[in-house]
């Protein structure tokens, strides 16, 4: 029986999202489960299925909630961004979107680094350095954290990466070059829809090829992993709405998707924004 997905988003005073999924997910072999996604064995060797959950976490999973429809929105936004980055020559793990919650991706060996780009002081950087949140930085700054939840993903220097062999010097050079190019593109993309890209986190992986390994962009790019502020009002359109108890988290993610043209806006606030039925093998 083919999988059936029904998704409906309705804007009222807030946003109500309902999702029903029936299909083959439960019959796939689970490879890994993280805070926001689950990885399943893919249909072909060298592939995985990435499933976006509605779970929201903050402060190293000390704060948790389930936000209906968040996974659907992150899937669609990340797909959109990955495809745009591929158009400018950034290699990624993304192959295609399977349905509203799942993507087919290339299997990679994740490099144990979180790469953070900061354009404006916010979050932990503002607290750590005593800079007023919202202050534009003299230039974009690239930071690295070790991917270790049990250690709180500590901030590390390039010297640590070289000394402990988490990435080779050549890999790190490639990661930094790709990261700066991604930042340039995303700043322009979001500026075009009235959003300032404050900062974002990305991850990279090693993709096995016939001639060795190549470094590719992995994981996701979505409001879960970016700070996005409205250009005119500084309204937060990202995960900080959950971290700081600002409310309307899914509504903010929906606004980002609408501005990107992924979801259609409606003048009737009680009318369905999106209703999709999709089948996959």
Foldseek 3Di string as FASTA:
>chain_A
DWKKKKWWWFFDVFIDIDIDIDHCPVVFAWDDDDQFWTWTDDPDPQKIKIFGAQWDADPLRPDIDGDHPPQLLQLLVQQVLVVVLVVVPAFAQFDAAQDSGITMGGDFAWLQKKKKKFQFDDDPRCVVVVNDGGHGDPGIDIWIFGNDSVVSRHTDDVVVCPVVVSDHPVQVVVVVVSVVVSVVVVQVLLVVLQKGWGMFIWTWGWHQDPVGTDIHTYDGGALATTFIAGNPPRDTLHCVCVVVVVDSNVVSSVVVCCSSVNWPDDPDNRDIGDIDIDTDD
